[in-house]
Amino acid sequence: MKYFSNEKAQGLLEYALILMLVVMVVMIMLIILGPAVGNMYSNIIVNF
Protein backbone atom coordinates (compact mmCIF):
# COMPACT_ATOMS: atom_id res chain seq x y z
CA MET A 1 0.00 0.00 0.00
CA LYS A 2 1.53 3.27 -1.08
CA TYR A 3 1.09 6.49 0.82
CA PHE A 4 0.41 9.63 -1.11
CA SER A 5 1.93 12.94 -0.04
CA ASN A 6 -1.40 14.27 1.24
CA GLU A 7 -1.76 11.23 3.51
CA LYS A 8 1.67 11.89 5.00
CA ALA A 9 0.69 15.50 5.59
CA GLN A 10 -2.51 14.38 7.25
CA GLY A 11 -0.56 12.09 9.59
CA LEU A 12 1.85 14.86 10.49
CA LEU A 13 -1.06 17.20 11.13
CA GLU A 14 -2.69 14.66 13.44
CA TYR A 15 0.54 14.25 15.40
CA ALA A 16 0.88 18.03 15.64
CA LEU A 17 -2.67 18.37 16.96
CA ILE A 18 -2.10 15.65 19.56
CA LEU A 19 1.14 17.34 20.64
CA MET A 20 -0.65 20.69 20.95
CA LEU A 21 -3.34 19.06 23.10
CA VAL A 22 -0.73 17.53 25.40
CA VAL A 23 1.08 20.87 25.73
CA MET A 24 -2.18 22.64 26.56
CA VAL A 25 -3.04 20.07 29.25
CA VAL A 26 0.42 20.39 30.81
CA MET A 27 0.20 24.19 30.80
CA ILE A 28 -3.24 24.13 32.43
CA MET A 29 -2.00 21.73 35.11
CA LEU A 30 1.01 23.97 35.81
CA ILE A 31 -1.23 27.03 36.10
CA ILE A 32 -3.59 25.23 38.48
CA LEU A 33 -1.01 23.36 40.56
CA GLY A 34 1.93 25.76 40.22
CA PRO A 35 1.31 27.88 43.32
CA ALA A 36 0.61 24.83 45.50
CA VAL A 37 3.82 23.13 44.38
CA GLY A 38 5.77 26.35 44.95
CA ASN A 39 4.39 26.68 48.47
CA MET A 40 5.16 23.06 49.25
CA TYR A 41 8.74 23.49 48.00
CA SER A 42 9.15 26.66 50.07
CA ASN A 43 7.88 24.88 53.20
CA ILE A 44 10.35 22.03 52.66
CA ILE A 45 13.25 24.48 52.29
CA VAL A 46 12.24 26.50 55.36
CA ASN A 47 11.85 23.41 57.54
CA PHE A 48 15.09 21.87 56.33
PDB file of N, CA and C in Angstrom:
ATOM      1  N   MET A   1       0.849  -1.175   0.000  1.00  0.00           N
ATOM      2  CA  MET A   1       0.000   0.000   0.000  1.00  0.00           C
ATOM      3  C   MET A   1       0.892   1.234   0.000  1.00  0.00           C
ATOM      4  N   LYS A   2       0.720   2.069  -0.984  1.00  0.00           N
ATOM      5  CA  LYS A   2       1.533   3.272  -1.080  1.00  0.00           C
ATOM      6  C   LYS A   2       0.820   4.435  -0.412  1.00  0.00           C
ATOM      7  N   TYR A   3       1.634   5.284   0.212  1.00  0.00           N
ATOM      8  CA  TYR A   3       1.090   6.488   0.818  1.00  0.00           C
ATOM      9  C   TYR A   3       1.310   7.654  -0.130  1.00  0.00           C
ATOM     10  N   PHE A   4       0.288   8.430  -0.304  1.00  0.00           N
ATOM     11  CA  PHE A   4       0.414   9.629  -1.106  1.00  0.00           C
ATOM     12  C   PHE A   4       0.864  10.767  -0.215  1.00  0.00           C
ATOM     13  N   SER A   5       1.371  11.837  -0.818  1.00  0.00           N
ATOM     14  CA  SER A   5       1.926  12.939  -0.039  1.00  0.00           C
ATOM     15  C   SER A   5       0.873  13.593   0.852  1.00  0.00           C
ATOM     16  N   ASN A   6      -0.379  13.658   0.396  1.00  0.00           N
ATOM     17  CA  ASN A   6      -1.402  14.274   1.240  1.00  0.00           C
ATOM     18  C   ASN A   6      -1.719  13.407   2.458  1.00  0.00           C
ATOM     19  N   GLU A   7      -1.549  12.089   2.347  1.00  0.00           N
ATOM     20  CA  GLU A   7      -1.763  11.229   3.508  1.00  0.00           C
ATOM     21  C   GLU A   7      -0.650  11.415   4.531  1.00  0.00           C
ATOM     22  N   LYS A   8       0.563  11.621   4.068  1.00  0.00           N
ATOM     23  CA  LYS A   8       1.668  11.892   5.001  1.00  0.00           C
ATOM     24  C   LYS A   8       1.425  13.213   5.716  1.00  0.00           C
ATOM     25  N   ALA A   9       0.967  14.206   4.973  1.00  0.00           N
ATOM     26  CA  ALA A   9       0.686  15.504   5.586  1.00  0.00           C
ATOM     27  C   ALA A   9      -0.438  15.388   6.608  1.00  0.00           C
ATOM     28  N   GLN A  10      -1.420  14.564   6.310  1.00  0.00           N
ATOM     29  CA  GLN A  10      -2.511  14.376   7.251  1.00  0.00           C
ATOM     30  C   GLN A  10      -1.998  13.714   8.524  1.00  0.00           C
ATOM     31  N   GLY A  11      -1.123  12.740   8.414  1.00  0.00           N
ATOM     32  CA  GLY A  11      -0.555  12.086   9.586  1.00  0.00           C
ATOM     33  C   GLY A  11       0.258  13.048  10.423  1.00  0.00           C
ATOM     34  N   LEU A  12       1.063  13.879   9.755  1.00  0.00           N
ATOM     35  CA  LEU A  12       1.849  14.863  10.490  1.00  0.00           C
ATOM     36  C   LEU A  12       0.953  15.874  11.181  1.00  0.00           C
ATOM     37  N   LEU A  13      -0.120  16.265  10.522  1.00  0.00           N
ATOM     38  CA  LEU A  13      -1.056  17.203  11.126  1.00  0.00           C
ATOM     39  C   LEU A  13      -1.721  16.590  12.351  1.00  0.00           C
ATOM     40  N   GLU A  14      -2.080  15.322  12.286  1.00  0.00           N
ATOM     41  CA  GLU A  14      -2.689  14.657  13.436  1.00  0.00           C
ATOM     42  C   GLU A  14      -1.715  14.588  14.609  1.00  0.00           C
ATOM     43  N   TYR A  15      -0.464  14.266  14.331  1.00  0.00           N
ATOM     44  CA  TYR A  15       0.537  14.245  15.400  1.00  0.00           C
ATOM     45  C   TYR A  15       0.732  15.638  15.989  1.00  0.00           C
ATOM     46  N   ALA A  16       0.723  16.662  15.150  1.00  0.00           N
ATOM     47  CA  ALA A  16       0.877  18.034  15.639  1.00  0.00           C
ATOM     48  C   ALA A  16      -0.296  18.421  16.526  1.00  0.00           C
ATOM     49  N   LEU A  17      -1.501  18.044  16.143  1.00  0.00           N
ATOM     50  CA  LEU A  17      -2.671  18.370  16.959  1.00  0.00           C
ATOM     51  C   LEU A  17      -2.635  17.647  18.303  1.00  0.00           C
ATOM     52  N   ILE A  18      -2.215  16.397  18.296  1.00  0.00           N
ATOM     53  CA  ILE A  18      -2.095  15.650  19.560  1.00  0.00           C
ATOM     54  C   ILE A  18      -1.040  16.299  20.450  1.00  0.00           C
ATOM     55  N   LEU A  19       0.083  16.692  19.862  1.00  0.00           N
ATOM     56  CA  LEU A  19       1.138  17.345  20.636  1.00  0.00           C
ATOM     57  C   LEU A  19       0.649  18.663  21.222  1.00  0.00           C
ATOM     58  N   MET A  20      -0.105  19.432  20.441  1.00  0.00           N
ATOM     59  CA  MET A  20      -0.653  20.690  20.948  1.00  0.00           C
ATOM     60  C   MET A  20      -1.612  20.441  22.102  1.00  0.00           C
ATOM     61  N   LEU A  21      -2.418  19.395  22.016  1.00  0.00           N
ATOM     62  CA  LEU A  21      -3.344  19.061  23.098  1.00  0.00           C
ATOM     63  C   LEU A  21      -2.588  18.695  24.369  1.00  0.00           C
ATOM     64  N   VAL A  22      -1.533  17.917  24.239  1.00  0.00           N
ATOM     65  CA  VAL A  22      -0.731  17.528  25.403  1.00  0.00           C
ATOM     66  C   VAL A  22      -0.082  18.756  26.035  1.00  0.00           C
ATOM     67  N   VAL A  23       0.452  19.651  25.211  1.00  0.00           N
ATOM     68  CA  VAL A  23       1.082  20.869  25.728  1.00  0.00           C
ATOM     69  C   VAL A  23       0.055  21.728  26.461  1.00  0.00           C
ATOM     70  N   MET A  24      -1.137  21.844  25.903  1.00  0.00           N
ATOM     71  CA  MET A  24      -2.179  22.637  26.564  1.00  0.00           C
ATOM     72  C   MET A  24      -2.568  22.040  27.901  1.00  0.00           C
ATOM     73  N   VAL A  25      -2.688  20.724  27.987  1.00  0.00           N
ATOM     74  CA  VAL A  25      -3.042  20.071  29.247  1.00  0.00           C
ATOM     75  C   VAL A  25      -1.950  20.296  30.293  1.00  0.00           C
ATOM     76  N   VAL A  26      -0.696  20.170  29.878  1.00  0.00           N
ATOM     77  CA  VAL A  26       0.420  20.387  30.807  1.00  0.00           C
ATOM     78  C   VAL A  26       0.434  21.830  31.292  1.00  0.00           C
ATOM     79  N   MET A  27       0.215  22.779  30.394  1.00  0.00           N
ATOM     80  CA  MET A  27       0.203  24.187  30.802  1.00  0.00           C
ATOM     81  C   MET A  27      -0.933  24.475  31.777  1.00  0.00           C
ATOM     82  N   ILE A  28      -2.104  23.918  31.527  1.00  0.00           N
ATOM     83  CA  ILE A  28      -3.236  24.133  32.433  1.00  0.00           C
ATOM     84  C   ILE A  28      -2.943  23.531  33.801  1.00  0.00           C
ATOM     85  N   MET A  29      -2.338  22.352  33.823  1.00  0.00           N
ATOM     86  CA  MET A  29      -1.996  21.733  35.107  1.00  0.00           C
ATOM     87  C   MET A  29      -0.963  22.569  35.856  1.00  0.00           C
ATOM     88  N   LEU A  30       0.008  23.128  35.143  1.00  0.00           N
ATOM     89  CA  LEU A  30       1.006  23.975  35.806  1.00  0.00           C
ATOM     90  C   LEU A  30       0.373  25.246  36.352  1.00  0.00           C
ATOM     91  N   ILE A  31      -0.561  25.820  35.612  1.00  0.00           N
ATOM     92  CA  ILE A  31      -1.230  27.028  36.095  1.00  0.00           C
ATOM     93  C   ILE A  31      -2.051  26.721  37.339  1.00  0.00           C
ATOM     94  N   ILE A  32      -2.737  25.585  37.335  1.00  0.00           N
ATOM     95  CA  ILE A  32      -3.592  25.234  38.475  1.00  0.00           C
ATOM     96  C   ILE A  32      -2.761  24.803  39.676  1.00  0.00           C
ATOM     97  N   LEU A  33      -1.780  23.933  39.447  1.00  0.00           N
ATOM     98  CA  LEU A  33      -1.013  23.360  40.559  1.00  0.00           C
ATOM     99  C   LEU A  33       0.277  24.103  40.865  1.00  0.00           C
ATOM    100  N   GLY A  34       0.668  25.055  40.047  1.00  0.00           N
ATOM    101  CA  GLY A  34       1.932  25.760  40.222  1.00  0.00           C
ATOM    102  C   GLY A  34       2.104  26.406  41.585  1.00  0.00           C
ATOM    103  N   PRO A  35       1.158  27.239  42.010  1.00  0.00           N
ATOM    104  CA  PRO A  35       1.309  27.882  43.322  1.00  0.00           C
ATOM    105  C   PRO A  35       1.381  26.884  44.480  1.00  0.00           C
ATOM    106  N   ALA A  36       0.590  25.827  44.419  1.00  0.00           N
ATOM    107  CA  ALA A  36       0.609  24.832  45.499  1.00  0.00           C
ATOM    108  C   ALA A  36       1.962  24.129  45.569  1.00  0.00           C
ATOM    109  N   VAL A  37       2.510  23.790  44.406  1.00  0.00           N
ATOM    110  CA  VAL A  37       3.819  23.129  44.381  1.00  0.00           C
ATOM    111  C   VAL A  37       4.900  24.088  44.873  1.00  0.00           C
ATOM    112  N   GLY A  38       4.811  25.349  44.480  1.00  0.00           N
ATOM    113  CA  GLY A  38       5.775  26.351  44.952  1.00  0.00           C
ATOM    114  C   GLY A  38       5.732  26.516  46.452  1.00  0.00           C
ATOM    115  N   ASN A  39       4.529  26.558  47.016  1.00  0.00           N
ATOM    116  CA  ASN A  39       4.393  26.679  48.471  1.00  0.00           C
ATOM    117  C   ASN A  39       4.936  25.448  49.180  1.00  0.00           C
ATOM    118  N   MET A  40       4.661  24.287  48.646  1.00  0.00           N
ATOM    119  CA  MET A  40       5.162  23.059  49.254  1.00  0.00           C
ATOM    120  C   MET A  40       6.689  23.039  49.238  1.00  0.00           C
ATOM    121  N   TYR A  41       7.277  23.445  48.114  1.00  0.00           N
ATOM    122  CA  TYR A  41       8.735  23.488  48.004  1.00  0.00           C
ATOM    123  C   TYR A  41       9.317  24.489  48.996  1.00  0.00           C
ATOM    124  N   SER A  42       8.679  25.656  49.121  1.00  0.00           N
ATOM    125  CA  SER A  42       9.154  26.664  50.074  1.00  0.00           C
ATOM    126  C   SER A  42       9.088  26.146  51.491  1.00  0.00           C
ATOM    127  N   ASN A  43       8.018  25.451  51.843  1.00  0.00           N
ATOM    128  CA  ASN A  43       7.885  24.883  53.196  1.00  0.00           C
ATOM    129  C   ASN A  43       8.960  23.845  53.481  1.00  0.00           C
ATOM    130  N   ILE A  44       9.293  23.032  52.483  1.00  0.00           N
ATOM    131  CA  ILE A  44      10.345  22.032  52.657  1.00  0.00           C
ATOM    132  C   ILE A  44      11.687  22.710  52.903  1.00  0.00           C
ATOM    133  N   ILE A  45      11.974  23.760  52.127  1.00  0.00           N
ATOM    134  CA  ILE A  45      13.254  24.476  52.287  1.00  0.00           C
ATOM    135  C   ILE A  45      13.327  25.164  53.647  1.00  0.00           C
ATOM    136  N   VAL A  46      12.237  25.789  54.075  1.00  0.00           N
ATOM    137  CA  VAL A  46      12.241  26.496  55.358  1.00  0.00           C
ATOM    138  C   VAL A  46      12.421  25.518  56.515  1.00  0.00           C
ATOM    139  N   ASN A  47      11.776  24.387  56.457  1.00  0.00           N
ATOM    140  CA  ASN A  47      11.850  23.410  57.543  1.00  0.00           C
ATOM    141  C   ASN A  47      13.126  22.578  57.516  1.00  0.00           C
ATOM    142  N   PHE A  48      13.864  22.634  56.435  1.00  0.00           N
ATOM    143  CA  PHE A  48      15.091  21.870  56.334  1.00  0.00           C
ATOM    144  C   PHE A  48      16.166  22.565  57.111  1.00  0.00           C
TER     145      PHE A  48
END
